Amino acid sequence: MSSNNPWSVQAIIDRIEREKRQAAGTEPPPDHAATAGYSVRGLWSCYSDPGKLTAAQAHIAMQLHLECGVRTCAVRSRARTALVAGGRMILDPRAARAPRAPRPSVFTLLLAAVFGYSTVLFGGRHALR
């Protein structure tokens, strides 16, 4: 008999041992996404909050929203939070830092340059008193 035969004696013994380890909790199921039909309700829209997610649902949500950003997509943000809290994802230290203040626009810089230098050169409106 070949070793690939699922009905061979050794294959049956291996399967029984594997099931015993799984029942004892020492080994996770081989493929958690294929063993249960996890609900994906509420995960399609980027703007709806899906609520509390399990680790498997968070994995599915991250796969559904691959092209979304964490700051713009509520589902991806919730999924990332669930995966980090469950220890399934470790963030890079650069991702955890606080966002920088937005840079001023060119128009704001131009206004500051024009009106800022006018007060220096002409004394500003206080020089008229």
N, C-alpha and C. Protein backbone atom coordinates (compact mmCIF):
# COMPACT_ATOMS: atom_id res chain seq x y z
N MET A 1 0.83 -1.18 0.00
CA MET A 1 0.00 0.00 0.00
C MET A 1 0.87 1.25 0.00
N SER A 2 0.39 2.27 -0.62
CA SER A 2 1.18 3.50 -0.68
C SER A 2 0.97 4.33 0.58
N SER A 3 1.92 5.18 0.84
CA SER A 3 1.82 6.02 2.05
C SER A 3 0.81 7.14 1.88
N ASN A 4 0.38 7.44 0.65
CA ASN A 4 -0.61 8.49 0.42
C ASN A 4 -2.04 7.99 0.58
N ASN A 5 -2.22 6.72 0.79
CA ASN A 5 -3.54 6.14 0.93
C ASN A 5 -4.14 6.54 2.29
N PRO A 6 -5.30 7.24 2.33
CA PRO A 6 -5.87 7.65 3.61
C PRO A 6 -6.42 6.48 4.43
N TRP A 7 -6.53 5.32 3.81
CA TRP A 7 -7.07 4.17 4.53
C TRP A 7 -5.99 3.21 5.01
N SER A 8 -4.73 3.58 4.85
CA SER A 8 -3.66 2.71 5.35
C SER A 8 -3.64 2.75 6.87
N VAL A 9 -3.05 1.73 7.45
CA VAL A 9 -3.00 1.61 8.91
C VAL A 9 -2.27 2.80 9.52
N GLN A 10 -1.14 3.17 8.94
CA GLN A 10 -0.35 4.27 9.49
C GLN A 10 -1.11 5.60 9.37
N ALA A 11 -1.83 5.81 8.26
CA ALA A 11 -2.59 7.04 8.09
C ALA A 11 -3.71 7.14 9.13
N ILE A 12 -4.35 6.02 9.43
CA ILE A 12 -5.42 6.00 10.43
C ILE A 12 -4.85 6.28 11.82
N ILE A 13 -3.71 5.67 12.14
CA ILE A 13 -3.07 5.90 13.44
C ILE A 13 -2.66 7.36 13.58
N ASP A 14 -2.09 7.94 12.51
CA ASP A 14 -1.70 9.36 12.55
C ASP A 14 -2.91 10.26 12.75
N ARG A 15 -4.01 9.95 12.06
CA ARG A 15 -5.21 10.76 12.20
C ARG A 15 -5.77 10.70 13.61
N ILE A 16 -5.77 9.51 14.23
CA ILE A 16 -6.28 9.36 15.60
C ILE A 16 -5.41 10.14 16.57
N GLU A 17 -4.10 10.07 16.40
CA GLU A 17 -3.20 10.83 17.28
C GLU A 17 -3.40 12.34 17.12
N ARG A 18 -3.58 12.78 15.86
CA ARG A 18 -3.82 14.20 15.59
C ARG A 18 -5.12 14.67 16.22
N GLU A 19 -6.17 13.85 16.14
CA GLU A 19 -7.45 14.21 16.76
C GLU A 19 -7.36 14.24 18.28
N LYS A 20 -6.56 13.37 18.86
CA LYS A 20 -6.37 13.40 20.32
C LYS A 20 -5.67 14.68 20.75
N ARG A 21 -4.64 15.08 19.99
CA ARG A 21 -3.93 16.33 20.32
C ARG A 21 -4.84 17.54 20.18
N GLN A 22 -5.68 17.55 19.16
CA GLN A 22 -6.61 18.66 18.95
C GLN A 22 -7.64 18.72 20.08
N ALA A 23 -8.12 17.55 20.51
CA ALA A 23 -9.11 17.52 21.60
C ALA A 23 -8.50 17.98 22.91
N ALA A 24 -7.20 17.71 23.10
CA ALA A 24 -6.53 18.14 24.32
C ALA A 24 -6.19 19.63 24.27
N GLY A 25 -6.28 20.24 23.11
CA GLY A 25 -6.02 21.68 22.99
C GLY A 25 -4.56 22.00 22.74
N THR A 26 -3.75 21.03 22.44
CA THR A 26 -2.34 21.30 22.20
C THR A 26 -2.04 21.66 20.76
N GLU A 27 -2.98 21.43 19.87
CA GLU A 27 -2.75 21.73 18.46
C GLU A 27 -3.98 22.44 17.90
N PRO A 28 -3.78 23.58 17.22
CA PRO A 28 -4.93 24.27 16.64
C PRO A 28 -5.48 23.51 15.45
N PRO A 29 -6.72 23.78 15.07
CA PRO A 29 -7.27 23.12 13.89
C PRO A 29 -6.43 23.49 12.66
N PRO A 30 -6.35 22.61 11.67
CA PRO A 30 -5.46 22.84 10.53
C PRO A 30 -5.80 24.08 9.72
N ASP A 31 -7.06 24.36 9.48
CA ASP A 31 -7.44 25.53 8.69
C ASP A 31 -8.73 26.09 9.26
N HIS A 32 -8.60 27.12 10.09
CA HIS A 32 -9.77 27.65 10.80
C HIS A 32 -10.77 28.30 9.86
N ALA A 33 -10.33 28.83 8.73
CA ALA A 33 -11.27 29.50 7.83
C ALA A 33 -12.12 28.49 7.07
N ALA A 34 -11.61 27.29 6.85
CA ALA A 34 -12.35 26.29 6.09
C ALA A 34 -13.25 25.44 6.99
N THR A 35 -13.01 25.44 8.31
CA THR A 35 -13.77 24.55 9.18
C THR A 35 -15.11 25.14 9.59
N ALA A 36 -15.26 26.44 9.52
CA ALA A 36 -16.53 27.04 9.93
C ALA A 36 -16.89 28.15 8.96
N GLY A 37 -18.18 28.36 8.77
CA GLY A 37 -18.64 29.43 7.90
C GLY A 37 -18.76 30.73 8.68
N TYR A 38 -17.71 31.49 8.75
CA TYR A 38 -17.72 32.73 9.51
C TYR A 38 -18.56 33.77 8.78
N SER A 39 -19.32 34.49 9.53
CA SER A 39 -20.20 35.50 8.96
C SER A 39 -19.38 36.69 8.51
N VAL A 40 -19.69 37.18 7.33
CA VAL A 40 -19.03 38.38 6.83
C VAL A 40 -20.04 39.52 6.72
N ARG A 41 -21.16 39.40 7.41
CA ARG A 41 -22.17 40.44 7.39
C ARG A 41 -21.61 41.70 8.02
N GLY A 42 -21.78 42.81 7.36
CA GLY A 42 -21.30 44.08 7.88
C GLY A 42 -19.84 44.35 7.56
N LEU A 43 -19.19 43.46 6.83
CA LEU A 43 -17.78 43.67 6.51
C LEU A 43 -17.57 44.24 5.11
N TRP A 44 -18.60 44.38 4.32
CA TRP A 44 -18.43 44.83 2.94
C TRP A 44 -18.27 46.33 2.84
N SER A 45 -19.03 47.09 3.62
CA SER A 45 -18.98 48.54 3.52
C SER A 45 -17.86 49.10 4.38
N CYS A 46 -17.07 49.96 3.80
CA CYS A 46 -15.95 50.57 4.54
C CYS A 46 -16.43 51.52 5.63
N TYR A 47 -17.64 52.01 5.52
CA TYR A 47 -18.12 53.05 6.44
C TYR A 47 -18.97 52.52 7.59
N SER A 48 -19.31 51.23 7.57
CA SER A 48 -20.11 50.67 8.66
C SER A 48 -19.19 50.02 9.69
N ASP A 49 -19.50 50.22 10.95
CA ASP A 49 -18.71 49.62 12.02
C ASP A 49 -19.21 48.19 12.24
N PRO A 50 -18.36 47.18 12.05
CA PRO A 50 -18.82 45.79 12.17
C PRO A 50 -19.00 45.32 13.60
N GLY A 51 -18.58 46.10 14.58
CA GLY A 51 -18.67 45.66 15.96
C GLY A 51 -17.47 44.81 16.34
N LYS A 52 -17.62 44.05 17.42
CA LYS A 52 -16.52 43.22 17.89
C LYS A 52 -16.29 42.07 16.93
N LEU A 53 -15.02 41.83 16.57
CA LEU A 53 -14.68 40.78 15.62
C LEU A 53 -13.83 39.71 16.31
N THR A 54 -14.06 38.47 15.91
CA THR A 54 -13.17 37.40 16.35
C THR A 54 -11.91 37.46 15.49
N ALA A 55 -10.92 36.66 15.84
CA ALA A 55 -9.67 36.67 15.09
C ALA A 55 -9.90 36.19 13.65
N ALA A 56 -10.73 35.17 13.47
CA ALA A 56 -11.00 34.66 12.12
C ALA A 56 -11.76 35.69 11.29
N GLN A 57 -12.74 36.36 11.89
CA GLN A 57 -13.47 37.39 11.17
C GLN A 57 -12.57 38.57 10.83
N ALA A 58 -11.64 38.89 11.72
CA ALA A 58 -10.71 39.99 11.45
C ALA A 58 -9.79 39.64 10.29
N HIS A 59 -9.36 38.38 10.20
CA HIS A 59 -8.53 37.96 9.06
C HIS A 59 -9.31 38.11 7.76
N ILE A 60 -10.57 37.69 7.76
CA ILE A 60 -11.39 37.81 6.56
C ILE A 60 -11.60 39.27 6.20
N ALA A 61 -11.84 40.12 7.21
CA ALA A 61 -12.04 41.55 6.95
C ALA A 61 -10.79 42.18 6.36
N MET A 62 -9.62 41.80 6.86
CA MET A 62 -8.38 42.34 6.32
C MET A 62 -8.19 41.91 4.86
N GLN A 63 -8.60 40.69 4.53
CA GLN A 63 -8.47 40.23 3.15
C GLN A 63 -9.48 40.91 2.24
N LEU A 64 -10.68 41.19 2.74
CA LEU A 64 -11.69 41.86 1.93
C LEU A 64 -11.32 43.31 1.64
N HIS A 65 -10.61 43.94 2.56
CA HIS A 65 -10.30 45.37 2.44
C HIS A 65 -8.79 45.58 2.27
N LEU A 66 -8.18 44.80 1.39
CA LEU A 66 -6.74 44.90 1.16
C LEU A 66 -6.32 46.28 0.67
N GLU A 67 -7.11 46.87 -0.21
CA GLU A 67 -6.70 48.14 -0.80
C GLU A 67 -7.12 49.35 0.04
N CYS A 68 -7.79 49.14 1.15
CA CYS A 68 -8.22 50.24 2.02
C CYS A 68 -7.12 50.61 3.01
N GLY A 69 -7.18 51.84 3.48
CA GLY A 69 -6.26 52.28 4.52
C GLY A 69 -6.90 52.17 5.89
N VAL A 70 -6.09 52.07 6.92
CA VAL A 70 -6.61 51.91 8.27
C VAL A 70 -7.31 53.19 8.73
N ARG A 71 -6.82 54.35 8.27
CA ARG A 71 -7.42 55.62 8.71
C ARG A 71 -8.72 55.93 7.99
N THR A 72 -8.93 55.36 6.80
CA THR A 72 -10.12 55.68 6.03
C THR A 72 -11.20 54.62 6.09
N CYS A 73 -10.85 53.39 6.44
CA CYS A 73 -11.80 52.27 6.42
C CYS A 73 -12.08 51.80 7.85
N ALA A 74 -13.33 51.89 8.27
CA ALA A 74 -13.70 51.50 9.64
C ALA A 74 -13.55 50.00 9.86
N VAL A 75 -13.83 49.20 8.84
CA VAL A 75 -13.75 47.75 8.98
C VAL A 75 -12.29 47.31 9.13
N ARG A 76 -11.42 47.86 8.31
CA ARG A 76 -10.00 47.50 8.40
C ARG A 76 -9.40 47.97 9.72
N SER A 77 -9.82 49.13 10.19
CA SER A 77 -9.33 49.64 11.46
C SER A 77 -9.76 48.73 12.61
N ARG A 78 -11.03 48.31 12.61
CA ARG A 78 -11.54 47.43 13.65
C ARG A 78 -10.86 46.06 13.59
N ALA A 79 -10.62 45.56 12.38
CA ALA A 79 -9.96 44.27 12.22
C ALA A 79 -8.52 44.33 12.70
N ARG A 80 -7.83 45.41 12.38
CA ARG A 80 -6.44 45.55 12.84
C ARG A 80 -6.38 45.62 14.36
N THR A 81 -7.32 46.35 14.97
CA THR A 81 -7.36 46.45 16.42
C THR A 81 -7.60 45.07 17.04
N ALA A 82 -8.50 44.29 16.45
CA ALA A 82 -8.79 42.96 16.98
C ALA A 82 -7.59 42.03 16.85
N LEU A 83 -6.88 42.10 15.73
CA LEU A 83 -5.72 41.24 15.54
C LEU A 83 -4.56 41.63 16.46
N VAL A 84 -4.37 42.92 16.68
CA VAL A 84 -3.31 43.36 17.59
C VAL A 84 -3.64 42.97 19.02
N ALA A 85 -4.90 43.13 19.41
CA ALA A 85 -5.31 42.78 20.77
C ALA A 85 -5.20 41.27 21.01
N GLY A 86 -5.45 40.48 19.99
CA GLY A 86 -5.36 39.02 20.12
C GLY A 86 -3.96 38.49 19.97
N GLY A 87 -2.99 39.33 19.67
CA GLY A 87 -1.62 38.90 19.52
C GLY A 87 -1.33 38.25 18.18
N ARG A 88 -2.23 38.39 17.23
CA ARG A 88 -2.04 37.79 15.91
C ARG A 88 -1.27 38.71 14.98
N MET A 89 -1.16 39.99 15.33
CA MET A 89 -0.46 40.96 14.50
C MET A 89 0.40 41.82 15.42
N ILE A 90 1.62 42.05 15.01
CA ILE A 90 2.52 42.92 15.77
C ILE A 90 2.83 44.11 14.88
N LEU A 91 2.54 45.30 15.39
CA LEU A 91 2.74 46.50 14.61
C LEU A 91 4.19 46.94 14.62
N ASP A 92 4.59 47.52 13.54
CA ASP A 92 5.90 48.15 13.45
C ASP A 92 5.88 49.39 14.34
N PRO A 93 6.94 49.69 15.06
CA PRO A 93 6.93 50.87 15.94
C PRO A 93 6.61 52.17 15.20
N ARG A 94 6.92 52.23 13.92
CA ARG A 94 6.60 53.45 13.16
C ARG A 94 5.10 53.62 12.97
N ALA A 95 4.33 52.52 12.97
CA ALA A 95 2.88 52.60 12.77
C ALA A 95 2.17 53.01 14.04
N ALA A 96 2.81 52.86 15.19
CA ALA A 96 2.16 53.16 16.46
C ALA A 96 2.36 54.60 16.91
N ARG A 97 3.25 55.34 16.26
CA ARG A 97 3.50 56.71 16.71
C ARG A 97 2.36 57.64 16.32
N ALA A 98 2.30 58.76 17.00
CA ALA A 98 1.23 59.73 16.76
C ALA A 98 1.43 60.38 15.40
N PRO A 99 0.34 60.66 14.70
CA PRO A 99 0.49 61.31 13.40
C PRO A 99 0.99 62.74 13.55
N ARG A 100 1.75 63.18 12.57
CA ARG A 100 2.27 64.54 12.59
C ARG A 100 1.17 65.53 12.23
N ALA A 101 1.39 66.76 12.64
CA ALA A 101 0.45 67.83 12.28
C ALA A 101 0.55 68.05 10.78
N PRO A 102 -0.56 68.38 10.14
CA PRO A 102 -0.52 68.60 8.69
C PRO A 102 0.37 69.79 8.35
N ARG A 103 1.04 69.69 7.23
CA ARG A 103 1.90 70.77 6.80
C ARG A 103 1.06 71.93 6.29
N PRO A 104 1.51 73.15 6.51
CA PRO A 104 0.73 74.29 6.01
C PRO A 104 0.76 74.33 4.48
N SER A 105 -0.30 74.84 3.91
CA SER A 105 -0.38 74.91 2.46
C SER A 105 0.53 76.03 1.94
N VAL A 106 0.72 76.03 0.64
CA VAL A 106 1.55 77.04 0.01
C VAL A 106 0.90 78.41 0.16
N PHE A 107 -0.41 78.48 0.08
CA PHE A 107 -1.12 79.74 0.24
C PHE A 107 -0.91 80.32 1.64
N THR A 108 -0.95 79.47 2.67
CA THR A 108 -0.72 79.93 4.04
C THR A 108 0.70 80.46 4.20
N LEU A 109 1.67 79.79 3.61
CA LEU A 109 3.05 80.26 3.67
C LEU A 109 3.22 81.58 2.94
N LEU A 110 2.54 81.72 1.81
CA LEU A 110 2.61 82.97 1.05
C LEU A 110 2.01 84.13 1.84
N LEU A 111 0.87 83.89 2.47
CA LEU A 111 0.26 84.94 3.30
C LEU A 111 1.17 85.35 4.46
N ALA A 112 1.77 84.36 5.09
CA ALA A 112 2.68 84.66 6.20
C ALA A 112 3.88 85.45 5.71
N ALA A 113 4.38 85.12 4.52
CA ALA A 113 5.55 85.82 3.98
C ALA A 113 5.20 87.26 3.63
N VAL A 114 4.07 87.47 2.98
CA VAL A 114 3.70 88.82 2.54
C VAL A 114 3.35 89.70 3.74
N PHE A 115 2.47 89.25 4.58
CA PHE A 115 2.04 90.09 5.70
C PHE A 115 3.06 90.11 6.83
N GLY A 116 3.84 89.07 6.96
CA GLY A 116 4.87 89.04 7.99
C GLY A 116 5.98 90.03 7.70
N TYR A 117 6.42 90.08 6.43
CA TYR A 117 7.48 91.01 6.07
C TYR A 117 6.98 92.44 6.01
N SER A 118 5.72 92.64 5.72
CA SER A 118 5.21 94.01 5.68
C SER A 118 5.23 94.64 7.06
N THR A 119 5.00 93.87 8.09
CA THR A 119 5.05 94.45 9.44
C THR A 119 6.47 94.77 9.83
N VAL A 120 7.42 94.00 9.34
CA VAL A 120 8.82 94.28 9.64
C VAL A 120 9.29 95.51 8.88
N LEU A 121 8.96 95.57 7.58
CA LEU A 121 9.44 96.67 6.75
C LEU A 121 8.72 97.99 7.04
N PHE A 122 7.45 97.96 7.24
CA PHE A 122 6.68 99.19 7.39
C PHE A 122 6.24 99.46 8.82
N GLY A 123 6.62 98.64 9.71
CA GLY A 123 6.28 98.88 11.11
C GLY A 123 4.90 98.38 11.50
N GLY A 124 4.17 97.86 10.59
CA GLY A 124 2.84 97.32 10.90
C GLY A 124 1.85 98.40 11.22
N ARG A 125 0.68 98.07 11.63
CA ARG A 125 -0.36 99.05 11.90
C ARG A 125 -0.12 99.78 13.22
N HIS A 126 0.73 99.21 14.08
CA HIS A 126 1.02 99.87 15.35
C HIS A 126 1.94 101.09 15.15
N ALA A 127 2.63 101.17 14.05
CA ALA A 127 3.52 102.29 13.80
C ALA A 127 2.75 103.55 13.44
N LEU A 128 1.49 103.41 13.06
CA LEU A 128 0.68 104.58 12.68
C LEU A 128 0.16 105.34 13.87
N ARG A 129 0.25 104.84 15.05
CA ARG A 129 -0.31 105.50 16.21
C ARG A 129 0.58 106.59 16.72
